[in-house]
Structure formats: C-alpha cells, structure tokens
C-alpha cells in the first residue's frame, strides 16, 4: 500500500530527499506517486510533522 501525504505537510522537502525511488514531487504540499511508492516508510521516518501516512 502506497503512502500519501496529508495536509499537515509544511513542504520542507525532507521526505523527497529520503525517498529511494523518487516517488515524491513538490507542490503546495508534497505528493507521492502511488505507482512508484514501494511502501518503505522512509518518508514518514524523517517528516517533522508526520504528514506521510499509509494510504487507505
């Protein structure tokens, strides 16, 4: 199951730098491409506000 970034995102870029498959792109809030996400949780581990979460 891919991760999804919620609206708590502060667009700091920590998650994008940590993603091993380049699944995260910039925007008003960052966005995870569910087709690329490998569900590793690296983004969630470095996020200071807990924005990335497993998608439902």
Protein backbone atom coordinates (compact mmCIF):
# COMPACT_ATOMS: atom_id res chain seq x y z
CA UNK A 1 0.00 0.00 0.00
CA UNK A 2 1.46 3.34 -1.03
CA UNK A 3 1.93 6.27 1.32
CA UNK A 4 0.00 9.53 0.95
CA UNK A 5 0.94 12.97 2.28
CA UNK A 6 -1.80 14.73 4.23
CA UNK A 7 -2.46 18.47 4.58
CA UNK A 8 -0.20 18.75 7.63
CA UNK A 9 2.70 18.91 5.13
CA UNK A 10 4.89 22.00 5.55
CA UNK A 11 6.74 21.41 2.23
CA UNK A 12 10.16 21.15 3.90
CA UNK A 13 11.47 18.57 1.42
CA UNK A 14 12.81 16.10 3.97
CA UNK A 15 10.65 13.29 2.60
CA UNK A 16 11.60 13.91 -1.03
CA UNK A 17 15.31 13.74 -0.22
CA UNK A 18 14.83 10.42 1.61
CA UNK A 19 12.69 8.57 -0.97
CA UNK A 20 14.78 5.80 -2.59
CA UNK A 21 12.57 5.57 -5.70
CA UNK A 22 11.92 9.29 -6.37
CA UNK A 23 8.18 8.88 -5.85
CA UNK A 24 7.71 12.29 -4.18
CA UNK A 25 7.27 15.56 -6.06
CA UNK A 26 7.00 19.19 -4.97
CA UNK A 27 3.82 21.20 -4.83
CA UNK A 28 1.88 23.31 -2.34
CA UNK A 29 2.19 20.14 -0.31
CA UNK A 30 4.35 17.27 -1.48
CA UNK A 31 2.71 14.44 -3.42
CA UNK A 32 3.61 10.73 -3.53
CA UNK A 33 3.11 8.86 -6.81
CA UNK A 34 1.33 5.65 -5.71
CA UNK A 35 2.62 3.80 -8.78
CA UNK A 36 6.25 4.43 -7.72
CA UNK A 37 5.89 4.17 -3.93
CA UNK A 38 7.33 0.94 -2.52
CA UNK A 39 5.81 1.42 0.96
CA UNK A 40 9.19 1.60 2.68
CA UNK A 41 8.21 4.33 5.17
CA UNK A 42 11.43 6.32 4.75
CA UNK A 43 9.42 9.48 4.13
CA UNK A 44 7.38 9.05 7.31
CA UNK A 45 10.50 8.41 9.37
CA UNK A 46 12.02 11.81 8.53
CA UNK A 47 8.90 14.01 8.40
CA UNK A 48 8.87 16.56 11.24
CA UNK A 49 5.06 16.82 11.22
CA UNK A 50 4.04 13.23 10.45
CA UNK A 51 2.42 14.10 7.11
CA UNK A 52 3.14 10.87 5.16
CA UNK A 53 0.80 8.03 6.13
CA UNK A 54 -0.16 4.70 4.55
CA UNK A 55 -2.97 5.32 2.09
CA UNK A 56 -6.27 3.64 2.82
